[in-house]
């Protein structure tokens, strides 16, 4: 099991930026960022393979960038041009393997962090 610890959340105004980090206890081939707003289902935001291939939800494409540092076992999410709809609890997740079809599905991931809150005000 991989332990995951997120950091970097906070409160910003619309149009602002935040960078989330996720420290993993060991290497994981598939990693992703998910978010959950109150009263809504958890949704996939971005996913990345150990090779560096990335995938994004349509709602964040062009604004968010997922990256990873395999030497440090750390995952990042750079979030620019934030909108109030981006508000939510952001989770980091990992899996030993996952198909491209499901890399943005929470069902593909086994290990989860505790989450970090992102609040965007208008």
C-alpha atoms as a PDB file:
ATOM      1  CA  UNK A   1       0.000   0.000   0.000  1.00  0.00           C
ATOM      2  CA  UNK A   2       1.203   3.481  -0.883  1.00  0.00           C
ATOM      3  CA  UNK A   3       0.859   6.314   1.628  1.00  0.00           C
ATOM      4  CA  UNK A   4      -0.052   9.631   0.021  1.00  0.00           C
ATOM      5  CA  UNK A   5       0.039  13.082   1.596  1.00  0.00           C
ATOM      6  CA  UNK A   6      -1.330  16.118  -0.225  1.00  0.00           C
ATOM      7  CA  UNK A   7      -0.406  19.737   0.419  1.00  0.00           C
ATOM      8  CA  UNK A   8      -0.755  23.141  -1.210  1.00  0.00           C
ATOM      9  CA  UNK A   9      -4.466  23.773  -0.987  1.00  0.00           C
ATOM     10  CA  UNK A  10      -5.885  27.111   0.043  1.00  0.00           C
ATOM     11  CA  UNK A  11      -8.260  29.932  -0.778  1.00  0.00           C
ATOM     12  CA  UNK A  12      -7.825  32.076  -3.861  1.00  0.00           C
ATOM     13  CA  UNK A  13      -9.875  34.441  -5.954  1.00  0.00           C
ATOM     14  CA  UNK A  14     -11.104  33.499  -9.393  1.00  0.00           C
ATOM     15  CA  UNK A  15      -8.329  33.779 -11.926  1.00  0.00           C
ATOM     16  CA  UNK A  16      -5.673  32.882  -9.389  1.00  0.00           C
ATOM     17  CA  UNK A  17      -3.314  29.925  -9.220  1.00  0.00           C
ATOM     18  CA  UNK A  18      -2.395  27.165  -6.809  1.00  0.00           C
ATOM     19  CA  UNK A  19       0.073  24.304  -6.930  1.00  0.00           C
ATOM     20  CA  UNK A  20      -0.792  21.068  -5.196  1.00  0.00           C
ATOM     21  CA  UNK A  21       1.782  18.483  -4.199  1.00  0.00           C
ATOM     22  CA  UNK A  22       1.406  14.843  -3.222  1.00  0.00           C
ATOM     23  CA  UNK A  23       4.224  13.003  -1.498  1.00  0.00           C
ATOM     24  CA  UNK A  24       4.094   9.239  -2.019  1.00  0.00           C
ATOM     25  CA  UNK A  25       5.828   6.698   0.194  1.00  0.00           C
ATOM     26  CA  UNK A  26       7.001   4.775  -2.874  1.00  0.00           C
ATOM     27  CA  UNK A  27       6.829   4.763  -6.646  1.00  0.00           C
ATOM     28  CA  UNK A  28       3.481   4.134  -8.328  1.00  0.00           C
ATOM     29  CA  UNK A  29       3.056   3.785 -12.077  1.00  0.00           C
ATOM     30  CA  UNK A  30      -0.361   5.440 -12.261  1.00  0.00           C
ATOM     31  CA  UNK A  31      -1.137   8.569 -10.310  1.00  0.00           C
ATOM     32  CA  UNK A  32      -4.014  10.968 -10.457  1.00  0.00           C
ATOM     33  CA  UNK A  33      -5.773  13.938  -8.969  1.00  0.00           C
ATOM     34  CA  UNK A  34      -9.440  13.821  -8.108  1.00  0.00           C
ATOM     35  CA  UNK A  35     -11.769  16.344  -6.518  1.00  0.00           C
ATOM     36  CA  UNK A  36     -15.055  16.296  -4.715  1.00  0.00           C
ATOM     37  CA  UNK A  37     -17.354  19.230  -4.079  1.00  0.00           C
ATOM     38  CA  UNK A  38     -20.057  19.110  -1.405  1.00  0.00           C
ATOM     39  CA  UNK A  39     -23.036  17.117  -2.615  1.00  0.00           C
ATOM     40  CA  UNK A  40     -21.247  15.951  -5.749  1.00  0.00           C
ATOM     41  CA  UNK A  41     -19.507  12.768  -6.782  1.00  0.00           C
ATOM     42  CA  UNK A  42     -15.754  12.464  -6.824  1.00  0.00           C
ATOM     43  CA  UNK A  43     -14.454  13.316 -10.277  1.00  0.00           C
ATOM     44  CA  UNK A  44     -11.174  12.724 -12.018  1.00  0.00           C
ATOM     45  CA  UNK A  45      -9.187  15.870 -12.770  1.00  0.00           C
ATOM     46  CA  UNK A  46      -5.927  14.615 -14.253  1.00  0.00           C
ATOM     47  CA  UNK A  47      -3.907  11.430 -14.494  1.00  0.00           C
ATOM     48  CA  UNK A  48      -0.318  10.600 -15.313  1.00  0.00           C
ATOM     49  CA  UNK A  49       1.685   7.467 -16.017  1.00  0.00           C
ATOM     50  CA  UNK A  50       5.249   6.815 -14.950  1.00  0.00           C
ATOM     51  CA  UNK A  51       6.250   7.460 -18.572  1.00  0.00           C
ATOM     52  CA  UNK A  52       4.934  10.992 -18.301  1.00  0.00           C
ATOM     53  CA  UNK A  53       1.809  10.553 -20.445  1.00  0.00           C
ATOM     54  CA  UNK A  54      -0.961  12.782 -19.148  1.00  0.00           C
ATOM     55  CA  UNK A  55      -4.736  12.890 -19.320  1.00  0.00           C
ATOM     56  CA  UNK A  56      -7.133  15.659 -18.312  1.00  0.00           C
ATOM     57  CA  UNK A  57     -10.800  16.177 -17.700  1.00  0.00           C
ATOM     58  CA  UNK A  58     -12.316  18.477 -20.299  1.00  0.00           C
ATOM     59  CA  UNK A  59     -13.234  21.006 -17.622  1.00  0.00           C
ATOM     60  CA  UNK A  60      -9.596  21.648 -16.668  1.00  0.00           C
ATOM     61  CA  UNK A  61      -7.729  21.046 -19.913  1.00  0.00           C
ATOM     62  CA  UNK A  62      -5.584  24.057 -20.788  1.00  0.00           C
ATOM     63  CA  UNK A  63      -5.715  25.405 -17.223  1.00  0.00           C
ATOM     64  CA  UNK A  64      -4.281  22.589 -15.105  1.00  0.00           C
ATOM     65  CA  UNK A  65      -0.995  20.740 -15.537  1.00  0.00           C
ATOM     66  CA  UNK A  66      -0.185  17.437 -13.873  1.00  0.00           C
ATOM     67  CA  UNK A  67       3.438  16.412 -13.468  1.00  0.00           C
ATOM     68  CA  UNK A  68       5.536  14.071 -11.397  1.00  0.00           C
ATOM     69  CA  UNK A  69       9.071  13.762 -10.104  1.00  0.00           C
ATOM     70  CA  UNK A  70       9.814  10.043 -10.039  1.00  0.00           C
ATOM     71  CA  UNK A  71      13.084  10.546  -8.155  1.00  0.00           C
ATOM     72  CA  UNK A  72      11.169  12.190  -5.315  1.00  0.00           C
ATOM     73  CA  UNK A  73       7.984  10.098  -5.616  1.00  0.00           C
ATOM     74  CA  UNK A  74       6.053  13.347  -5.765  1.00  0.00           C
ATOM     75  CA  UNK A  75       3.031  14.312  -7.823  1.00  0.00           C
ATOM     76  CA  UNK A  76       2.055  17.886  -8.672  1.00  0.00           C
ATOM     77  CA  UNK A  77      -0.951  19.741  -9.990  1.00  0.00           C
ATOM     78  CA  UNK A  78      -0.445  23.282 -11.223  1.00  0.00           C
ATOM     79  CA  UNK A  79      -3.803  25.013 -11.361  1.00  0.00           C
ATOM     80  CA  UNK A  80      -4.128  28.300 -13.246  1.00  0.00           C
ATOM     81  CA  UNK A  81      -7.108  30.492 -14.142  1.00  0.00           C
ATOM     82  CA  UNK A  82      -9.053  28.990 -11.278  1.00  0.00           C
ATOM     83  CA  UNK A  83     -12.825  29.240 -11.273  1.00  0.00           C
ATOM     84  CA  UNK A  84     -15.362  28.939  -8.433  1.00  0.00           C
ATOM     85  CA  UNK A  85     -16.427  25.601  -9.948  1.00  0.00           C
ATOM     86  CA  UNK A  86     -12.937  24.276  -9.172  1.00  0.00           C
ATOM     87  CA  UNK A  87     -13.721  24.453  -5.456  1.00  0.00           C
ATOM     88  CA  UNK A  88     -13.509  21.122  -3.684  1.00  0.00           C
ATOM     89  CA  UNK A  89     -11.449  18.666  -1.730  1.00  0.00           C
ATOM     90  CA  UNK A  90      -8.591  17.503  -3.933  1.00  0.00           C
ATOM     91  CA  UNK A  91      -7.275  13.980  -3.540  1.00  0.00           C
ATOM     92  CA  UNK A  92      -4.160  12.310  -4.786  1.00  0.00           C
ATOM     93  CA  UNK A  93      -4.457   8.659  -5.799  1.00  0.00           C
ATOM     94  CA  UNK A  94      -2.153   5.913  -7.028  1.00  0.00           C
ATOM     95  CA  UNK A  95      -2.276   2.478  -8.584  1.00  0.00           C
ATOM     96  CA  UNK A  96       0.225  -0.104  -9.800  1.00  0.00           C
ATOM     97  CA  UNK A  97      -1.445  -0.156 -13.196  1.00  0.00           C
ATOM     98  CA  UNK A  98      -4.419   1.411 -14.912  1.00  0.00           C
ATOM     99  CA  UNK A  99      -5.748   1.571 -18.440  1.00  0.00           C
ATOM    100  CA  UNK A 100      -6.111   4.839 -20.318  1.00  0.00           C
ATOM    101  CA  UNK A 101      -9.832   4.176 -20.402  1.00  0.00           C
ATOM    102  CA  UNK A 102     -10.083   4.400 -16.628  1.00  0.00           C
ATOM    103  CA  UNK A 103      -7.237   6.692 -15.588  1.00  0.00           C
ATOM    104  CA  UNK A 104      -9.767   9.403 -14.660  1.00  0.00           C
ATOM    105  CA  UNK A 105     -12.035   6.962 -12.840  1.00  0.00           C
ATOM    106  CA  UNK A 106     -11.747   6.589  -9.078  1.00  0.00           C
ATOM    107  CA  UNK A 107     -12.440   2.870  -9.562  1.00  0.00           C
ATOM    108  CA  UNK A 108      -8.982   2.418 -11.099  1.00  0.00           C
ATOM    109  CA  UNK A 109      -7.091   3.611  -8.042  1.00  0.00           C
ATOM    110  CA  UNK A 110      -6.321   1.706  -4.882  1.00  0.00           C
ATOM    111  CA  UNK A 111      -4.523   4.160  -2.616  1.00  0.00           C
ATOM    112  CA  UNK A 112      -5.762   7.605  -1.618  1.00  0.00           C
ATOM    113  CA  UNK A 113      -4.555  10.587   0.344  1.00  0.00           C
ATOM    114  CA  UNK A 114      -6.623  12.491   2.888  1.00  0.00           C
ATOM    115  CA  UNK A 115      -7.218  15.432   0.571  1.00  0.00           C
ATOM    116  CA  UNK A 116      -6.435  19.126   0.549  1.00  0.00           C
ATOM    117  CA  UNK A 117      -9.115  21.823   0.318  1.00  0.00           C
ATOM    118  CA  UNK A 118      -9.203  24.263  -2.581  1.00  0.00           C
ATOM    119  CA  UNK A 119     -11.627  27.169  -2.374  1.00  0.00           C
ATOM    120  CA  UNK A 120     -12.046  29.627  -5.233  1.00  0.00           C
ATOM    121  CA  UNK A 121     -14.112  32.742  -4.620  1.00  0.00           C
ATOM    122  CA  UNK A 122     -15.701  34.916  -7.266  1.00  0.00           C
END
